[in-house]
Amino acid sequence: MHESKFEWKTLLEVVDPVVWLEAHTGFKPFPFQRKLIRDYRCRLRVVRKARQIGITTAIAQEAIWKAYTRPGRLILIVSPSGRQSDKPMRIIRSIVDNNRELAGHIINENNHELTLDNGSSILALPNNPDRLRNYSATDVYLDEAAHFLNDEPVMAAIRPMLIATGGSFTIISTPFGERGLFWDQYNVALGQMGVDPLVKAYEMYPSWISPLIRKADIEEQLETGELTEFDYKQEYLGEFIEQTDTYLPLELITSCVDNSLTNLECGGVSKLYAGGVDFAKRRDETVIVLVEVERDGMLTVQYIESLQGSGKNRAMIDYSDQVGRIGQIGEAFPIRRFEADETGVGTSVLEDLRSIMPQTQGITFTEQMKLDLASGLRTLLEQKRLKIPNDKKLIMQMNGLHYRVSKTGNMVFESPEKDKLHDDYLWALALACHAARGVDRSKPIFRTGFL
């Protein structure tokens, strides 16, 4: 086995990761991070956490310690998508590249892999079972595991490698309903706590267990409507919230997710696009969604953009600025038809938008129109004629569409009150898909004059 060239200052640095990290990376973990890192010997750790408390940073630091102090390790950090897998590797590379002592042991590095001269490697990958099967990892971390789409194939790929290597398995996430890999493994860990000393479940919430987060700031966002009660409970309090009366089941949504989709900067001249915009009112974001309309009727989400202000008035971007930005997007993509929610924004906004994008149609959100938009979206999902990216906000809002049946027997979609999700991504997508129905390939494509 290749011997590490690293010179250890003390034996304690080898056996205590916190001591080593403080000495070699300058990491000063918070108490809950320190507890997790010092439990590195566990074969199963499941972390139920709140947002923004630094657990991804903690596992990145732990991965560095394992790679540098244990020759021949193969460490996998797996995230829900390719874009999300970039985050832990960016943290790792920033730590290592800015430390001459650590950087001197690198023999290969790229956006997804770091290899050391002691034979250890750290890889950051999306949750693609076919790619995972190519490795025999000694340590596997699943980051934001509640948002994995292909739970069973991922577990089928991971279990054999950990059995073969006797490796460690760490599963981390904010909750996302009582379902899936994270929910199952969290309950497994809870059941084994006190029975198997090498299995642990962690409760790392609310978000203000981190000294960097003030409870008052989170509660202020809740009071102003920037944060919904649902977001607050699930994301910041770490609660498992089981949704009922959901119009778009999660399994239906995730069956249409394409992990390879990323935002395009512009559209090809031979392609056709339809778009939708849900304008911000009191507290939502203004969201623009474009779908490519293919000749076989398939729709593919190729562009999503959210426009926000900042601070207490995040939604209060001047409508003229929003219209201008939509015009720029219209110049970059050959949009055949564009639909805008005109409810509550005034006719002047739509007139300004039509002046630069004549293909714009205003839509008033009556209960019947919302039913038409939602049912059209559901039909596309059921027929597998819509491909969407693995976008957390989009998926959560689609799954958060609730309904009730009125006394007259009609289905009514509930407004996004404080106990509901925001719905701007959802309706922007529904408008784009509705606009795609009216695409006429024989008509000319309008272009704006912005770019």
Protein backbone atom coordinates (compact mmCIF):
# COMPACT_ATOMS: atom_id res chain seq x y z
CA MET A 1 0.00 0.00 0.00
CA HIS A 2 1.28 3.46 -0.82
CA GLU A 3 2.60 5.22 2.29
CA SER A 4 1.32 8.72 3.04
CA LYS A 5 4.01 11.39 2.91
CA PHE A 6 2.12 13.48 5.43
CA GLU A 7 4.03 14.13 8.67
CA TRP A 8 1.66 13.99 11.64
CA LYS A 9 2.37 16.37 14.49
CA THR A 10 0.68 14.22 17.09
CA LEU A 11 -1.04 10.87 17.32
CA LEU A 12 -4.13 12.74 18.53
CA GLU A 13 -4.48 14.40 15.14
CA VAL A 14 -4.73 10.98 13.51
CA VAL A 15 -7.43 9.59 15.82
CA ASP A 16 -9.41 12.79 16.45
CA PRO A 17 -10.61 14.42 13.24
CA VAL A 18 -11.59 17.66 14.96
CA VAL A 19 -8.06 18.17 16.31
CA TRP A 20 -6.57 17.43 12.88
CA LEU A 21 -8.98 19.74 11.05
CA GLU A 22 -8.39 22.60 13.45
CA ALA A 23 -4.64 22.20 12.91
CA HIS A 24 -4.61 21.66 9.14
CA THR A 25 -7.67 23.38 7.65
CA GLY A 26 -8.49 25.89 10.36
CA PHE A 27 -12.03 24.49 10.69
CA LYS A 28 -13.68 25.43 13.98
CA PRO A 29 -16.81 23.26 14.08
CA PHE A 30 -19.91 24.13 16.04
CA PRO A 31 -20.81 21.59 18.77
CA PHE A 32 -23.33 19.70 16.60
CA GLN A 33 -20.82 19.52 13.73
CA ARG A 34 -18.13 18.32 16.11
CA LYS A 35 -20.37 15.52 17.42
CA LEU A 36 -21.13 14.30 13.91
CA ILE A 37 -17.50 14.34 12.78
CA ARG A 38 -16.26 12.51 15.87
CA ASP A 39 -18.77 9.72 15.18
CA TYR A 40 -16.94 8.83 11.96
CA ARG A 41 -16.57 5.18 13.06
CA CYS A 42 -20.33 4.55 12.72
CA ARG A 43 -21.39 2.33 9.85
CA LEU A 44 -24.72 4.19 9.54
CA ARG A 45 -25.45 7.81 10.43
CA VAL A 46 -28.72 9.51 9.50
CA VAL A 47 -28.92 13.26 9.99
CA ARG A 48 -32.31 14.97 10.07
CA LYS A 49 -31.38 18.59 9.79
CA ALA A 50 -32.64 22.10 9.23
CA ARG A 51 -31.45 24.32 6.40
CA GLN A 52 -28.27 26.38 6.35
CA ILE A 53 -26.61 24.97 9.47
CA GLY A 54 -23.41 23.85 7.74
CA ILE A 55 -23.72 20.07 7.55
CA THR A 56 -22.50 19.91 3.93
CA THR A 57 -19.42 21.82 5.08
CA ALA A 58 -18.98 19.39 7.99
CA ILE A 59 -19.04 16.30 5.76
CA ALA A 60 -16.70 18.00 3.29
CA GLN A 61 -14.22 18.59 6.12
CA GLU A 62 -14.64 15.02 7.39
CA ALA A 63 -14.03 13.69 3.87
CA ILE A 64 -10.78 15.69 3.69
CA TRP A 65 -9.62 14.27 7.02
CA LYS A 66 -10.41 10.70 5.96
CA ALA A 67 -8.69 11.08 2.60
CA TYR A 68 -5.50 12.58 4.03
CA THR A 69 -5.14 10.35 7.09
CA ARG A 70 -6.32 7.02 5.70
CA PRO A 71 -4.50 5.83 2.57
CA GLY A 72 -6.49 4.06 -0.10
CA ARG A 73 -9.92 5.48 0.81
CA LEU A 74 -12.55 6.02 -1.88
CA ILE A 75 -15.06 8.57 -0.62
CA LEU A 76 -18.29 9.27 -2.52
CA ILE A 77 -20.47 12.31 -1.85
CA VAL A 78 -23.74 11.83 -3.72
CA SER A 79 -26.27 14.65 -4.33
CA PRO A 80 -29.71 14.76 -5.98
CA SER A 81 -28.39 16.27 -9.24
CA GLY A 82 -25.21 17.15 -11.10
CA ARG A 83 -25.60 20.82 -10.24
CA GLN A 84 -26.02 20.06 -6.54
CA SER A 85 -23.02 17.72 -6.54
CA ASP A 86 -20.84 20.69 -7.44
CA LYS A 87 -21.36 22.27 -4.01
CA PRO A 88 -19.47 19.81 -1.76
CA MET A 89 -16.59 19.56 -4.24
CA ARG A 90 -16.35 23.37 -4.44
CA ILE A 91 -16.06 23.45 -0.65
CA ILE A 92 -13.40 20.72 -0.65
CA ARG A 93 -11.34 22.26 -3.44
CA SER A 94 -11.49 25.69 -1.83
CA ILE A 95 -10.16 24.29 1.44
CA VAL A 96 -7.42 22.18 -0.14
CA ASP A 97 -6.33 24.49 -2.96
CA ASN A 98 -5.82 27.38 -0.55
CA ASN A 99 -3.61 25.32 1.76
CA ARG A 100 -0.10 24.77 0.38
CA GLU A 101 0.56 21.84 2.71
CA LEU A 102 -2.61 20.01 1.64
CA ALA A 103 -2.40 20.98 -2.01
CA GLY A 104 1.06 19.44 -2.26
CA HIS A 105 -0.43 15.96 -1.94
CA ILE A 106 -2.85 16.30 -4.87
CA ILE A 107 -1.98 14.28 -7.96
CA ASN A 108 -5.24 14.87 -9.84
CA GLU A 109 -8.27 17.12 -9.45
CA ASN A 110 -11.24 18.31 -11.49
CA ASN A 111 -14.76 19.54 -10.85
CA HIS A 112 -15.86 16.17 -9.49
CA GLU A 113 -12.76 14.37 -8.19
CA LEU A 114 -9.76 14.90 -5.97
CA THR A 115 -6.99 12.24 -5.87
CA LEU A 116 -4.08 12.24 -3.40
CA ASP A 117 -0.61 10.73 -3.46
CA ASN A 118 -1.59 8.25 -0.73
CA GLY A 119 -4.09 6.56 -3.04
CA SER A 120 -7.20 8.15 -1.52
CA SER A 121 -9.87 9.88 -3.63
CA ILE A 122 -12.95 12.01 -3.03
CA LEU A 123 -15.65 12.03 -5.70
CA ALA A 124 -18.81 14.16 -5.85
CA LEU A 125 -21.49 12.61 -8.05
CA PRO A 126 -25.20 12.95 -8.87
CA ASN A 127 -27.48 10.11 -7.78
CA ASN A 128 -27.09 8.09 -10.96
CA PRO A 129 -27.14 4.37 -10.03
CA ASP A 130 -25.27 3.37 -13.18
CA ARG A 131 -22.36 5.65 -12.30
CA LEU A 132 -22.33 4.62 -8.65
CA ARG A 133 -21.98 0.93 -9.54
CA ASN A 134 -18.57 1.63 -11.06
CA TYR A 135 -17.00 2.26 -7.64
CA SER A 136 -16.11 0.30 -4.52
CA ALA A 137 -16.39 3.06 -1.98
CA THR A 138 -15.17 2.91 1.59
CA ASP A 139 -17.30 5.88 2.63
CA VAL A 140 -20.59 7.08 1.12
CA TYR A 141 -22.38 10.33 1.95
CA LEU A 142 -25.87 11.06 0.58
CA ASP A 143 -26.51 14.81 0.75
CA GLU A 144 -30.16 16.03 0.67
CA ALA A 145 -31.26 12.41 0.37
CA ALA A 146 -34.97 13.20 0.79
CA HIS A 147 -34.86 14.71 -2.69
CA PHE A 148 -33.40 11.66 -4.44
CA LEU A 149 -35.68 10.51 -7.23
CA ASN A 150 -34.52 6.92 -7.75
CA ASP A 151 -34.29 5.63 -4.20
CA GLU A 152 -34.33 1.90 -4.79
CA PRO A 153 -31.73 1.78 -7.61
CA VAL A 154 -29.43 4.05 -5.57
CA MET A 155 -29.65 1.80 -2.52
CA ALA A 156 -29.18 -1.28 -4.72
CA ALA A 157 -25.95 0.24 -6.04
CA ILE A 158 -24.63 1.34 -2.64
CA ARG A 159 -25.32 -1.67 -0.40
CA PRO A 160 -23.02 -4.16 -2.17
CA MET A 161 -20.04 -1.81 -2.21
CA LEU A 162 -20.34 -1.04 1.49
CA ILE A 163 -20.72 -4.73 2.35
CA ALA A 164 -17.57 -5.48 0.36
CA THR A 165 -15.51 -2.67 1.88
CA GLY A 166 -17.03 -2.63 5.37
CA GLY A 167 -17.52 1.07 4.79
CA SER A 168 -19.50 3.85 6.42
CA PHE A 169 -22.83 5.24 5.21
CA THR A 170 -23.97 8.76 6.09
CA ILE A 171 -27.39 10.03 5.00
CA ILE A 172 -28.22 13.72 5.40
CA SER A 173 -31.28 15.78 4.53
CA THR A 174 -33.93 18.25 5.44
CA PRO A 175 -37.22 16.28 5.46
CA PHE A 176 -39.49 16.10 2.43
CA GLY A 177 -42.57 14.16 3.54
CA GLU A 178 -42.96 10.73 5.12
CA ARG A 179 -41.67 8.81 2.14
CA GLY A 180 -38.59 7.58 0.32
CA LEU A 181 -35.04 6.65 1.15
CA PHE A 182 -34.42 9.31 3.79
CA TRP A 183 -37.64 8.66 5.71
CA ASP A 184 -37.00 4.92 5.66
CA GLN A 185 -33.36 5.10 6.75
CA TYR A 186 -34.11 7.69 9.42
CA ASN A 187 -36.59 5.27 11.00
CA VAL A 188 -34.12 2.39 10.65
CA ALA A 189 -31.51 4.43 12.52
CA LEU A 190 -33.99 5.44 15.21
CA GLY A 191 -34.91 1.80 15.72
CA GLN A 192 -31.26 0.76 16.10
CA MET A 193 -30.27 3.57 18.47
CA GLY A 194 -29.17 2.00 21.74
CA VAL A 195 -29.16 -1.46 20.15
CA ASP A 196 -26.28 -1.10 17.68
CA PRO A 197 -23.60 1.37 18.84
CA LEU A 198 -22.48 1.82 15.22
CA VAL A 199 -25.85 3.20 14.10
CA LYS A 200 -26.93 6.74 15.03
CA ALA A 201 -29.72 9.15 14.19
CA TYR A 202 -29.16 12.88 14.68
CA GLU A 203 -31.70 15.64 15.28
CA MET A 204 -30.05 18.83 14.04
CA TYR A 205 -32.75 21.46 14.03
CA PRO A 206 -34.05 24.16 14.20
CA SER A 207 -31.82 26.26 11.96
CA TRP A 208 -30.82 28.58 14.78
CA ILE A 209 -28.78 25.86 16.46
CA SER A 210 -26.16 27.45 14.22
CA PRO A 211 -24.75 30.61 15.79
CA LEU A 212 -24.74 32.16 12.31
CA ILE A 213 -28.56 32.14 12.09
CA ARG A 214 -30.85 34.37 14.13
CA LYS A 215 -34.29 33.04 14.98
CA ALA A 216 -35.66 36.57 14.75
CA ASP A 217 -34.54 36.88 11.12
CA ILE A 218 -36.34 33.65 10.15
CA GLU A 219 -39.48 34.67 12.00
CA GLU A 220 -39.41 38.07 10.32
CA GLN A 221 -39.45 36.33 6.92
CA LEU A 222 -42.44 34.31 8.13
CA GLU A 223 -44.31 37.43 9.27
CA THR A 224 -43.71 39.31 6.01
CA GLY A 225 -44.89 36.35 3.93
CA GLU A 226 -41.51 35.82 2.28
CA LEU A 227 -41.46 32.43 4.01
CA THR A 228 -44.55 30.23 4.21
CA GLU A 229 -45.57 28.23 7.26
CA PHE A 230 -44.93 25.06 5.27
CA ASP A 231 -41.38 26.15 4.38
CA TYR A 232 -40.79 27.27 7.96
CA LYS A 233 -41.80 23.94 9.47
CA GLN A 234 -40.13 21.69 6.93
CA GLU A 235 -36.98 23.59 6.05
CA TYR A 236 -36.14 25.43 9.27
CA LEU A 237 -37.77 23.29 11.97
CA GLY A 238 -36.90 19.99 10.27
CA GLU A 239 -40.43 18.56 10.46
CA PHE A 240 -41.72 15.68 8.38
CA ILE A 241 -44.95 17.03 6.88
CA GLU A 242 -47.23 14.57 5.16
CA GLN A 243 -49.39 16.29 2.55
CA THR A 244 -52.95 15.20 1.87
CA ASP A 245 -55.28 16.12 -0.98
CA THR A 246 -52.31 16.68 -3.24
CA TYR A 247 -53.26 17.13 -6.88
CA LEU A 248 -49.86 16.22 -8.34
CA PRO A 249 -48.41 13.23 -6.43
CA LEU A 250 -44.66 13.26 -5.96
CA GLU A 251 -44.22 9.92 -7.72
CA LEU A 252 -45.99 11.33 -10.79
CA ILE A 253 -43.77 14.42 -10.82
CA THR A 254 -40.49 12.61 -10.29
CA SER A 255 -41.26 10.13 -13.07
CA CYS A 256 -40.90 13.06 -15.49
CA VAL A 257 -37.67 14.51 -14.05
CA ASP A 258 -34.65 14.51 -16.35
CA ASN A 259 -31.48 15.02 -14.30
CA SER A 260 -29.53 16.10 -17.38
CA LEU A 261 -31.60 19.25 -17.90
CA THR A 262 -29.95 22.58 -17.12
CA ASN A 263 -30.89 26.16 -17.95
CA LEU A 264 -30.03 27.12 -21.52
CA GLU A 265 -28.60 30.56 -22.18
CA CYS A 266 -30.37 30.85 -25.49
CA GLY A 267 -32.51 28.77 -27.81
CA GLY A 268 -31.56 27.25 -31.14
CA VAL A 269 -32.93 29.04 -34.18
CA SER A 270 -34.59 25.86 -35.45
CA LYS A 271 -36.39 25.21 -32.14
CA LEU A 272 -39.72 26.53 -30.90
CA TYR A 273 -40.54 27.65 -27.40
CA ALA A 274 -43.63 28.53 -25.40
CA GLY A 275 -43.42 30.46 -22.16
CA GLY A 276 -45.30 31.52 -19.08
CA VAL A 277 -44.80 34.12 -16.37
CA ASP A 278 -46.43 34.31 -12.96
CA PHE A 279 -45.95 37.90 -11.78
CA ALA A 280 -45.15 38.63 -8.14
CA LYS A 281 -47.98 40.11 -6.14
CA ARG A 282 -47.75 40.59 -2.40
CA ARG A 283 -45.06 38.07 -1.48
CA ASP A 284 -44.26 35.65 -4.30
CA GLU A 285 -41.44 35.79 -6.80
CA THR A 286 -41.94 36.60 -10.45
CA VAL A 287 -41.07 33.37 -12.25
CA ILE A 288 -40.56 32.82 -15.99
CA VAL A 289 -40.59 29.31 -17.48
CA LEU A 290 -39.89 28.33 -21.08
CA VAL A 291 -40.64 24.92 -22.59
CA GLU A 292 -39.31 23.62 -25.89
CA VAL A 293 -42.14 22.39 -28.10
CA GLU A 294 -40.98 19.36 -30.03
CA ARG A 295 -42.65 18.05 -33.18
CA ASP A 296 -43.90 14.89 -31.47
CA GLY A 297 -45.71 16.93 -28.84
CA MET A 298 -43.11 16.44 -26.12
CA LEU A 299 -42.46 19.49 -23.93
CA THR A 300 -39.11 20.04 -22.23
CA VAL A 301 -38.45 22.74 -19.63
CA GLN A 302 -35.35 24.52 -20.89
CA TYR A 303 -35.34 27.77 -18.92
CA ILE A 304 -36.45 28.94 -15.46
CA GLU A 305 -35.74 32.37 -14.00
CA SER A 306 -36.90 33.94 -10.75
CA LEU A 307 -36.94 37.72 -10.30
CA GLN A 308 -36.79 39.00 -6.73
CA GLY A 309 -36.10 42.14 -4.80
CA SER A 310 -34.17 42.01 -1.55
CA GLY A 311 -34.82 42.28 2.18
CA LYS A 312 -38.42 42.82 3.26
CA ASN A 313 -39.50 43.70 -0.28
CA ARG A 314 -38.06 40.76 -2.18
CA ALA A 315 -41.11 40.52 -4.42
CA MET A 316 -41.30 44.24 -5.10
CA ILE A 317 -39.32 44.53 -8.32
CA ASP A 318 -40.64 47.30 -10.55
CA TYR A 319 -42.89 45.78 -13.21
CA SER A 320 -41.15 47.78 -15.94
CA ASP A 321 -37.87 46.09 -15.00
CA GLN A 322 -39.58 42.70 -15.09
CA VAL A 323 -41.05 43.40 -18.52
CA GLY A 324 -37.63 44.49 -19.73
CA ARG A 325 -36.05 41.26 -18.51
CA ILE A 326 -38.77 39.18 -20.19
CA GLY A 327 -38.02 41.09 -23.40
CA GLN A 328 -34.36 40.10 -23.14
CA ILE A 329 -35.35 36.45 -22.69
CA GLY A 330 -37.61 36.78 -25.74
CA GLU A 331 -34.65 37.91 -27.77
CA ALA A 332 -32.56 34.93 -26.68
CA PHE A 333 -35.25 32.31 -27.39
CA PRO A 334 -37.57 31.92 -30.40
CA ILE A 335 -40.79 32.05 -28.37
CA ARG A 336 -43.86 31.25 -30.44
CA ARG A 337 -46.44 31.91 -27.71
CA PHE A 338 -46.16 33.47 -24.25
CA GLU A 339 -48.81 33.56 -21.52
CA ALA A 340 -48.84 35.85 -18.50
CA ASP A 341 -50.93 35.81 -15.35
CA GLU A 342 -52.61 39.20 -15.52
CA THR A 343 -54.53 38.76 -12.25
CA GLY A 344 -53.84 41.76 -10.06
CA VAL A 345 -51.03 43.32 -12.12
CA GLY A 346 -53.07 45.77 -14.18
CA THR A 347 -53.63 46.09 -17.91
CA SER A 348 -50.70 48.47 -18.39
CA VAL A 349 -48.19 45.72 -17.52
CA LEU A 350 -49.64 43.42 -20.18
CA GLU A 351 -49.75 46.27 -22.70
CA ASP A 352 -46.08 47.00 -22.10
CA LEU A 353 -45.23 43.32 -22.46
CA ARG A 354 -47.22 42.98 -25.68
CA SER A 355 -45.46 45.99 -27.14
CA ILE A 356 -42.19 44.04 -27.17
CA MET A 357 -43.65 40.51 -27.35
CA PRO A 358 -46.85 40.61 -29.47
CA GLN A 359 -47.24 36.85 -28.96
CA THR A 360 -48.16 37.44 -25.30
CA GLN A 361 -51.60 36.39 -24.07
CA GLY A 362 -53.00 37.55 -20.73
CA ILE A 363 -54.63 34.90 -18.53
CA THR A 364 -56.98 35.69 -15.65
CA PHE A 365 -56.81 33.14 -12.86
CA THR A 366 -60.42 32.17 -12.31
CA GLU A 367 -61.11 28.88 -10.54
CA GLN A 368 -62.03 27.32 -13.88
CA MET A 369 -58.83 28.56 -15.52
CA LYS A 370 -56.72 27.22 -12.65
CA LEU A 371 -58.46 23.87 -13.04
CA ASP A 372 -57.77 23.89 -16.80
CA LEU A 373 -54.10 24.77 -16.24
CA ALA A 374 -53.60 22.19 -13.48
CA SER A 375 -55.44 19.40 -15.28
CA GLY A 376 -53.46 20.08 -18.45
CA LEU A 377 -50.24 19.86 -16.48
CA ARG A 378 -51.32 16.62 -14.82
CA THR A 379 -52.26 15.10 -18.18
CA LEU A 380 -48.81 15.90 -19.58
CA LEU A 381 -47.18 14.22 -16.57
CA GLU A 382 -49.41 11.16 -16.77
CA GLN A 383 -48.71 10.78 -20.50
CA LYS A 384 -44.97 11.34 -19.94
CA ARG A 385 -45.03 14.22 -22.42
CA LEU A 386 -43.30 16.71 -20.13
CA LYS A 387 -39.67 16.65 -19.02
CA ILE A 388 -38.68 18.84 -16.09
CA PRO A 389 -35.32 19.51 -14.40
CA ASN A 390 -34.48 18.35 -10.90
CA ASP A 391 -35.31 21.75 -9.44
CA LYS A 392 -36.20 21.59 -5.75
CA LYS A 393 -38.48 24.64 -5.73
CA LEU A 394 -40.34 23.56 -8.84
CA ILE A 395 -40.91 20.02 -7.56
CA MET A 396 -41.97 21.15 -4.08
CA GLN A 397 -44.46 23.65 -5.47
CA MET A 398 -45.92 21.17 -7.94
CA ASN A 399 -46.34 18.63 -5.15
CA GLY A 400 -47.73 21.36 -2.88
CA LEU A 401 -50.79 22.02 -5.05
CA HIS A 402 -53.71 21.16 -2.75
CA TYR A 403 -57.38 20.93 -3.58
CA ARG A 404 -60.72 20.53 -1.89
CA VAL A 405 -64.15 19.61 -3.18
CA SER A 406 -66.73 22.37 -2.80
CA LYS A 407 -70.32 21.86 -1.63
CA THR A 408 -71.42 21.86 -5.27
CA GLY A 409 -68.99 19.04 -6.05
CA ASN A 410 -66.43 21.18 -7.89
CA MET A 411 -62.70 20.88 -7.33
CA VAL A 412 -61.19 24.06 -5.90
CA PHE A 413 -57.46 24.69 -5.63
CA GLU A 414 -56.53 26.27 -2.35
CA SER A 415 -54.74 29.60 -2.19
CA PRO A 416 -51.17 29.63 -0.89
CA GLU A 417 -52.03 30.83 2.61
CA LYS A 418 -49.41 30.65 5.33
CA ASP A 419 -49.68 26.89 5.74
CA LYS A 420 -49.14 26.30 2.01
CA LEU A 421 -46.22 26.58 -0.34
CA HIS A 422 -45.63 29.48 -2.66
CA ASP A 423 -46.89 28.53 -6.09
CA ASP A 424 -45.19 30.88 -8.55
CA TYR A 425 -42.97 28.20 -10.15
CA LEU A 426 -45.99 25.90 -10.46
CA TRP A 427 -48.24 28.37 -12.28
CA ALA A 428 -45.46 29.70 -14.50
CA LEU A 429 -44.87 26.12 -15.67
CA ALA A 430 -48.61 25.51 -16.10
CA LEU A 431 -48.92 28.70 -18.17
CA ALA A 432 -45.96 27.69 -20.36
CA CYS A 433 -47.50 24.27 -20.99
CA HIS A 434 -50.89 25.86 -21.71
CA ALA A 435 -49.21 28.26 -24.15
CA ALA A 436 -47.61 25.30 -25.91
CA ARG A 437 -51.08 24.03 -26.84
CA GLY A 438 -51.60 27.13 -28.96
CA VAL A 439 -48.27 27.03 -30.78
CA ASP A 440 -48.78 27.36 -34.52
CA ARG A 441 -45.65 26.41 -36.44
CA SER A 442 -46.87 28.20 -39.56
CA LYS A 443 -46.79 31.66 -37.94
CA PRO A 444 -43.63 33.77 -37.80
CA ILE A 445 -41.55 33.95 -34.64
CA PHE A 446 -41.56 37.35 -32.96
CA ARG A 447 -38.31 38.77 -31.70
CA THR A 448 -37.76 41.63 -29.29
CA GLY A 449 -35.14 44.25 -29.90
CA PHE A 450 -33.20 44.05 -26.68
CA LEU A 451 -30.07 42.04 -27.52
